[in-house]
Amino acid sequence: MTGVHMGYVEIRMAARADGPKMQPTELVTKVYDAVETGEYEVIADELTAQVKAALSGPVEALYPELRDTRAPLVAVEE
């Protein structure tokens, strides 16, 4: 297995983090299932799946605020 990717897990280290958290038992089950079926990678939650899918798209898909920063190109004469 090459990697386990996930968002927050309901543990003490993430106690102050906002957002959805998966239960540790759910994560362990997903990892064991992946090992058993010979998977190379575990995408453990929906947020991580969405981010991974967006990585192959334009950067503006991950950072919508970048759409407003593009100024038209202006030719500069020397």
C-alpha atoms as a PDB file:
ATOM      1  CA  MET A   1       0.000   0.000   0.000  1.00  0.00           C
ATOM      2  CA  THR A   2       1.344   3.415  -0.913  1.00  0.00           C
ATOM      3  CA  GLY A   3      -0.876   5.713   1.102  1.00  0.00           C
ATOM      4  CA  VAL A   4      -3.883   6.377   3.241  1.00  0.00           C
ATOM      5  CA  HIS A   5      -5.507   9.735   2.628  1.00  0.00           C
ATOM      6  CA  MET A   6      -8.166  11.170   4.894  1.00  0.00           C
ATOM      7  CA  GLY A   7      -9.548  14.282   6.470  1.00  0.00           C
ATOM      8  CA  TYR A   8     -10.039  14.604  10.199  1.00  0.00           C
ATOM      9  CA  VAL A   9     -10.417  11.566  12.418  1.00  0.00           C
ATOM     10  CA  GLU A  10     -12.219  11.747  15.763  1.00  0.00           C
ATOM     11  CA  ILE A  11      -9.132  11.640  18.015  1.00  0.00           C
ATOM     12  CA  ARG A  12      -7.693  13.997  20.633  1.00  0.00           C
ATOM     13  CA  MET A  13      -5.263  15.557  18.166  1.00  0.00           C
ATOM     14  CA  ALA A  14      -8.199  16.777  16.033  1.00  0.00           C
ATOM     15  CA  ALA A  15     -10.428  17.784  18.955  1.00  0.00           C
ATOM     16  CA  ARG A  16     -10.330  21.491  18.076  1.00  0.00           C
ATOM     17  CA  ALA A  17     -10.658  21.026  14.333  1.00  0.00           C
ATOM     18  CA  ASP A  18     -13.915  22.076  12.733  1.00  0.00           C
ATOM     19  CA  GLY A  19     -15.628  20.000  10.137  1.00  0.00           C
ATOM     20  CA  PRO A  20     -16.692  16.420   9.716  1.00  0.00           C
ATOM     21  CA  LYS A  21     -14.605  13.721  11.377  1.00  0.00           C
ATOM     22  CA  MET A  22     -14.628  10.018  10.748  1.00  0.00           C
ATOM     23  CA  GLN A  23     -14.484   7.465  13.525  1.00  0.00           C
ATOM     24  CA  PRO A  24     -11.148   5.658  14.001  1.00  0.00           C
ATOM     25  CA  THR A  25     -12.854   2.280  13.637  1.00  0.00           C
ATOM     26  CA  GLU A  26     -14.216   3.334  10.239  1.00  0.00           C
ATOM     27  CA  LEU A  27     -10.727   4.314   9.071  1.00  0.00           C
ATOM     28  CA  VAL A  28      -9.177   1.055  10.299  1.00  0.00           C
ATOM     29  CA  THR A  29     -11.896  -0.964   8.565  1.00  0.00           C
ATOM     30  CA  LYS A  30     -11.269   0.844   5.272  1.00  0.00           C
ATOM     31  CA  VAL A  31      -7.510   0.259   5.546  1.00  0.00           C
ATOM     32  CA  TYR A  32      -7.910  -3.444   6.372  1.00  0.00           C
ATOM     33  CA  ASP A  33     -10.367  -3.877   3.500  1.00  0.00           C
ATOM     34  CA  ALA A  34      -7.913  -2.200   1.116  1.00  0.00           C
ATOM     35  CA  VAL A  35      -5.018  -4.375   2.274  1.00  0.00           C
ATOM     36  CA  GLU A  36      -7.148  -7.479   1.908  1.00  0.00           C
ATOM     37  CA  THR A  37      -8.116  -6.607  -1.677  1.00  0.00           C
ATOM     38  CA  GLY A  38      -4.599  -5.507  -2.684  1.00  0.00           C
ATOM     39  CA  GLU A  39      -5.375  -1.814  -3.127  1.00  0.00           C
ATOM     40  CA  TYR A  40      -2.452   0.598  -3.374  1.00  0.00           C
ATOM     41  CA  GLU A  41      -4.238   3.585  -1.946  1.00  0.00           C
ATOM     42  CA  VAL A  42      -7.068   4.360   0.480  1.00  0.00           C
ATOM     43  CA  ILE A  43      -9.216   7.450  -0.005  1.00  0.00           C
ATOM     44  CA  ALA A  44     -10.963   7.297   3.342  1.00  0.00           C
ATOM     45  CA  ASP A  45     -13.612  10.014   3.187  1.00  0.00           C
ATOM     46  CA  GLU A  46     -15.731  12.050   0.792  1.00  0.00           C
ATOM     47  CA  LEU A  47     -13.810  15.315   1.300  1.00  0.00           C
ATOM     48  CA  THR A  48     -10.534  13.631   0.391  1.00  0.00           C
ATOM     49  CA  ALA A  49     -12.141  12.033  -2.671  1.00  0.00           C
ATOM     50  CA  GLN A  50     -13.384  15.448  -3.821  1.00  0.00           C
ATOM     51  CA  VAL A  51      -9.955  17.054  -3.342  1.00  0.00           C
ATOM     52  CA  LYS A  52      -8.214  14.252  -5.208  1.00  0.00           C
ATOM     53  CA  ALA A  53     -10.674  14.561  -8.090  1.00  0.00           C
ATOM     54  CA  ALA A  54     -10.186  18.329  -8.203  1.00  0.00           C
ATOM     55  CA  LEU A  55      -6.388  18.022  -8.374  1.00  0.00           C
ATOM     56  CA  SER A  56      -6.554  16.943 -12.000  1.00  0.00           C
ATOM     57  CA  GLY A  57      -8.608  20.004 -12.909  1.00  0.00           C
ATOM     58  CA  PRO A  58      -7.699  23.678 -13.133  1.00  0.00           C
ATOM     59  CA  VAL A  59      -6.285  25.295  -9.984  1.00  0.00           C
ATOM     60  CA  GLU A  60      -9.318  27.624  -9.877  1.00  0.00           C
ATOM     61  CA  ALA A  61     -11.477  24.617  -9.044  1.00  0.00           C
ATOM     62  CA  LEU A  62      -9.618  24.263  -5.729  1.00  0.00           C
ATOM     63  CA  TYR A  63      -9.241  28.004  -5.132  1.00  0.00           C
ATOM     64  CA  PRO A  64     -12.292  29.812  -6.588  1.00  0.00           C
ATOM     65  CA  GLU A  65     -11.012  33.154  -5.315  1.00  0.00           C
ATOM     66  CA  LEU A  66      -8.294  33.027  -8.009  1.00  0.00           C
ATOM     67  CA  ARG A  67     -10.909  33.520 -10.731  1.00  0.00           C
ATOM     68  CA  ASP A  68     -11.335  37.177  -9.761  1.00  0.00           C
ATOM     69  CA  THR A  69      -7.623  37.994  -9.764  1.00  0.00           C
ATOM     70  CA  ARG A  70      -6.976  37.600 -13.466  1.00  0.00           C
ATOM     71  CA  ALA A  71      -6.453  40.954 -15.076  1.00  0.00           C
ATOM     72  CA  PRO A  72      -6.464  41.209 -18.851  1.00  0.00           C
ATOM     73  CA  LEU A  73      -3.020  41.221 -20.410  1.00  0.00           C
ATOM     74  CA  VAL A  74      -1.920  44.575 -21.713  1.00  0.00           C
ATOM     75  CA  ALA A  75       0.784  44.944 -24.321  1.00  0.00           C
ATOM     76  CA  VAL A  76       3.695  47.057 -23.169  1.00  0.00           C
ATOM     77  CA  GLU A  77       5.574  49.049 -25.773  1.00  0.00           C
ATOM     78  CA  GLU A  78       9.289  49.514 -25.368  1.00  0.00           C
END
